[in-house]
Amino acid sequence: MLPRKDAKKKVVPPGRNSGNLAEFLSSREPLCWEGRLKCIAQVRAIDWVSGEGLVESHAYEYLTQLSDDVGARVTGSPQSQKAVEWSLNKMRAIGLENVHAEKFQIWRGWTRGSAQAELMGPIRRRLNVDDMGWTGSTPASGVEGELVVANVFNMDEESKDPAKFSGKIILMVAQGEPKKDQD
């Protein structure tokens, strides 16, 4: 059945609100917008899934569990493995079949530890610092060196001369505004 050329009304197919995907997909009623027929099963499936996702979704509940109960999940960390186990258990609990984890090897993991720094001169002052992921550790005896500043909002310019950072301690600062094209 084709809609009239002057049809402007959106036709909602039977089964849309019934929660029955098979009925929704097999509906013969055309789905029309502004007189153009859209009777493709994929369009019906996407519409049904997106509707169900908004109304019947547990996504926020799962996100909360994963974020609050499992916590940070840096690849290779114990929390990463805990997240894998949580995911496998959750997928099995909701009835999915053939649930398994893919094996892969990572050259090393990383877990945030403690970091401390002290400015030795011209005045002595403790600094609040964080360690950066996937960077090497400082020797237990510490290091001393010249402090150079790098602006995270101007990394294109900062990275043009990497030699200026060689053997130095880099203090990352955020001066100005981020560039529009910068993530």
Protein backbone atom coordinates (compact mmCIF):
# COMPACT_ATOMS: atom_id res chain seq x y z
CA MET A 1 0.00 0.00 0.00
CA LEU A 2 1.57 3.29 -1.08
CA PRO A 3 0.74 6.59 0.59
CA ARG A 4 -0.94 9.34 -1.39
CA LYS A 5 1.44 11.88 -2.87
CA ASP A 6 0.01 14.60 -0.66
CA ALA A 7 0.42 12.54 2.53
CA LYS A 8 2.05 14.57 5.31
CA LYS A 9 1.15 12.44 8.30
CA LYS A 10 3.58 10.06 10.00
CA VAL A 11 2.07 6.59 10.24
CA VAL A 12 3.14 4.64 13.33
CA PRO A 13 3.16 0.93 12.54
CA PRO A 14 1.31 -1.63 14.68
CA GLY A 15 3.42 -3.20 17.37
CA ARG A 16 5.46 -0.05 18.09
CA ASN A 17 4.18 0.20 21.63
CA SER A 18 3.51 -3.51 22.15
CA GLY A 19 7.11 -4.41 22.98
CA ASN A 20 7.02 -7.21 20.38
CA LEU A 21 9.95 -6.77 17.98
CA ALA A 22 8.78 -9.53 15.61
CA GLU A 23 5.33 -7.95 15.27
CA PHE A 24 6.89 -4.53 14.79
CA LEU A 25 9.29 -5.71 12.06
CA SER A 26 6.67 -7.75 10.19
CA SER A 27 4.13 -4.95 10.10
CA ARG A 28 2.93 -4.20 6.56
CA GLU A 29 1.82 -0.68 7.42
CA PRO A 30 4.20 1.79 5.72
CA LEU A 31 6.21 4.22 7.78
CA CYS A 32 5.88 7.57 6.00
CA TRP A 33 7.33 11.06 6.42
CA GLU A 34 6.34 13.91 4.16
CA GLY A 35 4.99 11.50 1.57
CA ARG A 36 8.17 9.39 1.26
CA LEU A 37 7.80 5.70 1.99
CA LYS A 38 10.31 4.24 4.46
CA CYS A 39 9.42 0.54 4.67
CA ILE A 40 12.87 -0.88 5.34
CA ALA A 41 13.16 -3.47 8.11
CA GLN A 42 16.37 -1.85 9.33
CA VAL A 43 14.60 1.47 9.87
CA ARG A 44 11.90 -0.32 11.85
CA ALA A 45 14.49 -2.19 13.94
CA ILE A 46 16.49 0.95 14.71
CA ASP A 47 13.33 2.81 15.69
CA TRP A 48 12.17 -0.04 17.92
CA VAL A 49 15.57 -0.52 19.58
CA SER A 50 16.05 3.20 20.19
CA GLY A 51 12.56 3.45 21.68
CA GLU A 52 13.15 0.48 23.93
CA GLY A 53 16.56 1.87 24.88
CA LEU A 54 14.99 5.09 26.10
CA VAL A 55 12.06 3.49 27.92
CA GLU A 56 13.25 0.08 29.10
CA SER A 57 16.98 0.65 29.41
CA HIS A 58 19.16 -0.47 32.29
CA ALA A 59 22.13 1.40 30.81
CA TYR A 60 22.31 4.04 33.55
CA GLU A 61 22.01 1.39 36.26
CA TYR A 62 24.83 -0.63 34.64
CA LEU A 63 26.99 2.46 34.20
CA THR A 64 26.50 3.31 37.87
CA GLN A 65 27.47 -0.21 38.96
CA LEU A 66 30.52 -0.25 36.71
CA SER A 67 31.65 3.24 37.75
CA ASP A 68 30.88 3.09 41.47
CA ASP A 69 31.34 -0.59 42.35
CA VAL A 70 34.21 -1.50 40.01
CA GLY A 71 35.80 1.95 39.74
CA ALA A 72 38.62 3.12 37.50
CA ARG A 73 39.61 0.55 34.90
CA VAL A 74 42.99 1.35 33.40
CA THR A 75 44.02 -1.43 31.01
CA GLY A 76 46.17 -4.03 32.71
CA SER A 77 45.13 -3.04 36.24
CA PRO A 78 43.36 -5.32 38.75
CA GLN A 79 40.27 -3.10 38.35
CA SER A 80 40.35 -3.79 34.61
CA GLN A 81 40.10 -7.52 35.28
CA LYS A 82 37.33 -6.89 37.83
CA ALA A 83 35.43 -4.96 35.12
CA VAL A 84 35.79 -7.87 32.69
CA GLU A 85 34.41 -10.29 35.28
CA TRP A 86 31.55 -7.88 36.13
CA SER A 87 30.68 -7.56 32.42
CA LEU A 88 30.69 -11.32 31.80
CA ASN A 89 28.50 -11.95 34.84
CA LYS A 90 26.08 -9.15 33.89
CA MET A 91 25.70 -10.39 30.29
CA ARG A 92 25.02 -13.95 31.49
CA ALA A 93 22.53 -12.64 34.09
CA ILE A 94 20.46 -10.89 31.41
CA GLY A 95 20.32 -14.08 29.36
CA LEU A 96 22.99 -13.65 26.69
CA GLU A 97 24.59 -16.82 25.38
CA ASN A 98 28.17 -17.61 24.33
CA VAL A 99 29.50 -14.91 26.61
CA HIS A 100 33.28 -15.00 26.88
CA ALA A 101 36.28 -12.73 27.22
CA GLU A 102 38.79 -12.45 24.43
CA LYS A 103 42.37 -13.14 25.45
CA PHE A 104 44.92 -10.45 24.75
CA GLN A 105 48.28 -9.48 26.10
CA ILE A 106 49.36 -6.02 27.09
CA TRP A 107 53.00 -5.20 27.47
CA ARG A 108 52.45 -3.60 30.86
CA GLY A 109 49.68 -2.30 33.06
CA TRP A 110 49.59 0.90 35.03
CA THR A 111 48.04 1.90 38.34
CA ARG A 112 48.20 5.42 39.74
CA GLY A 113 50.45 5.55 42.76
CA SER A 114 51.44 8.40 45.02
CA ALA A 115 53.49 11.30 43.78
CA GLN A 116 55.24 14.09 45.60
CA ALA A 117 57.45 16.96 44.60
CA GLU A 118 59.23 19.81 46.30
CA LEU A 119 60.60 23.01 44.84
CA MET A 120 64.10 23.43 46.25
CA GLY A 121 64.85 27.02 45.23
CA PRO A 122 64.75 29.94 45.12
CA ILE A 123 62.35 29.10 47.99
CA ARG A 124 61.57 25.66 49.32
CA ARG A 125 57.96 24.64 48.77
CA ARG A 126 55.97 21.39 48.54
CA LEU A 127 54.08 21.01 45.25
CA ASN A 128 50.78 19.23 44.67
CA VAL A 129 51.41 16.84 41.79
CA ASP A 130 49.93 13.79 40.08
CA ASP A 131 51.80 11.12 38.21
CA MET A 132 50.99 10.74 34.53
CA GLY A 133 49.76 7.44 33.16
CA TRP A 134 52.17 5.21 31.25
CA THR A 135 55.22 7.28 32.18
CA GLY A 136 58.33 5.90 33.81
CA SER A 137 58.90 6.02 37.53
CA THR A 138 61.26 8.42 39.22
CA PRO A 139 64.08 6.69 41.10
CA ALA A 140 63.40 6.21 44.82
CA SER A 141 66.20 8.67 45.59
CA GLY A 142 64.37 11.34 43.60
CA VAL A 143 65.65 13.65 40.90
CA GLU A 144 66.82 17.21 40.70
CA GLY A 145 66.70 19.26 37.56
CA GLU A 146 65.71 22.47 35.89
CA LEU A 147 61.98 23.09 35.82
CA VAL A 148 60.44 24.02 32.45
CA VAL A 149 56.82 24.91 31.81
CA ALA A 150 54.67 23.41 29.04
CA ASN A 151 51.19 24.73 28.29
CA VAL A 152 48.68 21.93 27.65
CA PHE A 153 46.55 24.37 25.61
CA ASN A 154 49.43 24.98 23.20
CA MET A 155 50.87 21.49 22.66
CA ASP A 156 51.38 21.98 18.91
CA GLU A 157 53.84 24.78 19.64
CA GLU A 158 55.37 23.05 22.68
CA SER A 159 56.12 19.87 20.72
CA LYS A 160 58.02 21.67 17.93
CA ASP A 161 61.23 21.67 19.99
CA PRO A 162 61.35 18.50 22.12
CA ALA A 163 65.04 19.08 22.91
CA LYS A 164 64.10 21.91 25.28
CA PHE A 165 62.54 19.28 27.58
CA SER A 166 65.42 16.81 27.51
CA GLY A 167 66.77 16.16 31.01
CA LYS A 168 64.34 18.66 32.52
CA ILE A 169 61.39 18.42 34.87
CA ILE A 170 58.24 19.45 32.99
CA LEU A 171 55.53 21.40 34.78
CA MET A 172 52.30 21.08 32.78
CA VAL A 173 50.08 24.15 33.08
CA ALA A 174 46.78 25.20 31.52
CA GLN A 175 47.19 28.84 30.50
CA GLY A 176 44.61 30.60 28.36
CA GLU A 177 41.78 28.81 26.59
CA PRO A 178 41.83 25.47 24.77
CA LYS A 179 41.84 25.71 20.99
CA LYS A 180 38.57 24.83 19.27
CA ASP A 181 40.09 21.85 17.42
CA GLN A 182 41.87 20.49 20.53
CA ASP A 183 40.36 17.54 22.44
